[in-house]
Amino acid sequence: MDDMVTTDRLAAMSSAEAQSLVDRLVAGRPVLAQALSVMPIQSPHMRYQWLVTSDTVIPGDITPLEAADRHDPTLDEVIVDLARGHGAD
């Protein structure tokens, strides 16, 4: 249910509000800024979802946000590669 509430709130946000949320999550996490710079997807709503959704490609099945907080160069490489491979809007 919490995921549904979060998804509904995100969907109700304007693009500017969603971008502000993404900017706050990326602040102080250079690997996430690097990842988003190579990600074909430009929608701030979709970028937010990507940041907070776990992925089996990341060891430990964690989110890109959690992986970035580990400050592990190997995980950083996985995050950037994952972002690069994400499809366009």
Protein backbone atom coordinates (compact mmCIF):
# COMPACT_ATOMS: atom_id res chain seq x y z
CA MET A 1 0.00 0.00 0.00
CA ASP A 2 2.81 2.44 0.79
CA ASP A 3 4.23 1.93 -2.70
CA MET A 4 0.84 2.74 -4.19
CA VAL A 5 0.52 5.90 -2.11
CA THR A 6 4.04 6.97 -3.10
CA THR A 7 3.31 6.25 -6.77
CA ASP A 8 0.07 8.25 -6.59
CA ARG A 9 1.87 11.18 -4.96
CA LEU A 10 4.62 11.07 -7.56
CA ALA A 11 2.10 10.96 -10.40
CA ALA A 12 0.35 14.01 -8.95
CA MET A 13 3.59 16.03 -8.92
CA SER A 14 4.43 18.48 -11.65
CA SER A 15 7.63 17.88 -13.61
CA ALA A 16 9.27 20.73 -11.69
CA GLU A 17 8.34 19.17 -8.34
CA ALA A 18 9.58 15.75 -9.43
CA GLN A 19 12.83 17.30 -10.70
CA SER A 20 13.31 19.05 -7.36
CA LEU A 21 12.88 15.71 -5.60
CA VAL A 22 15.43 14.06 -7.90
CA ASP A 23 17.85 16.95 -7.36
CA ARG A 24 17.59 16.53 -3.57
CA LEU A 25 18.28 12.79 -3.82
CA VAL A 26 21.27 13.29 -6.13
CA ALA A 27 22.82 16.12 -4.07
CA GLY A 28 26.05 14.94 -2.46
CA ARG A 29 26.05 11.73 -4.46
CA PRO A 30 28.33 12.36 -7.47
CA VAL A 31 27.88 8.87 -8.88
CA LEU A 32 24.14 9.49 -9.21
CA ALA A 33 24.77 12.77 -11.02
CA GLN A 34 27.11 10.89 -13.35
CA ALA A 35 24.55 8.12 -13.86
CA LEU A 36 21.75 10.54 -14.69
CA SER A 37 24.02 12.39 -17.12
CA VAL A 38 24.30 9.23 -19.26
CA MET A 39 20.71 8.03 -18.79
CA PRO A 40 18.58 8.37 -21.93
CA ILE A 41 15.41 8.83 -19.84
CA GLN A 42 14.79 12.51 -19.17
CA SER A 43 11.45 12.36 -17.32
CA PRO A 44 12.05 13.38 -13.69
CA HIS A 45 9.20 11.09 -12.62
CA MET A 46 10.86 8.08 -14.25
CA ARG A 47 14.29 9.07 -12.94
CA TYR A 48 12.92 9.22 -9.40
CA GLN A 49 11.39 5.76 -9.82
CA TRP A 50 14.74 4.45 -11.09
CA LEU A 51 16.61 5.91 -8.11
CA VAL A 52 14.35 4.28 -5.51
CA THR A 53 13.56 0.93 -7.16
CA SER A 54 15.70 -2.08 -6.30
CA ASP A 55 17.37 -3.87 -9.18
CA THR A 56 18.71 -7.41 -9.30
CA VAL A 57 21.64 -6.17 -11.41
CA ILE A 58 22.97 -4.35 -8.34
CA PRO A 59 24.58 -6.83 -5.92
CA GLY A 60 22.30 -7.19 -2.90
CA ASP A 61 19.18 -6.34 -4.94
CA ILE A 62 19.25 -2.75 -3.66
CA THR A 63 18.27 0.59 -5.17
CA PRO A 64 20.71 2.82 -7.04
CA LEU A 65 20.27 5.33 -4.19
CA GLU A 66 21.29 2.74 -1.58
CA ALA A 67 24.19 1.57 -3.73
CA ALA A 68 25.47 5.14 -4.11
CA ASP A 69 25.50 5.57 -0.34
CA ARG A 70 27.91 2.65 0.00
CA HIS A 71 30.68 4.60 -1.81
CA ASP A 72 31.92 1.39 -3.42
CA PRO A 73 33.71 1.92 -6.78
CA THR A 74 32.46 -1.44 -8.06
CA LEU A 75 28.85 -0.54 -7.25
CA ASP A 76 29.37 2.92 -8.73
CA GLU A 77 30.33 1.32 -12.04
CA VAL A 78 27.24 -0.90 -11.93
CA ILE A 79 25.01 2.14 -11.26
CA VAL A 80 26.39 4.10 -14.21
CA ASP A 81 26.18 1.09 -16.55
CA LEU A 82 22.61 0.43 -15.44
CA ALA A 83 21.64 4.06 -16.07
CA ARG A 84 23.29 4.07 -19.49
CA GLY A 85 21.27 1.03 -20.51
CA HIS A 86 17.92 2.45 -19.46
CA GLY A 87 15.64 3.10 -22.46
CA ALA A 88 14.57 6.51 -23.67
CA ASP A 89 11.18 8.03 -22.74
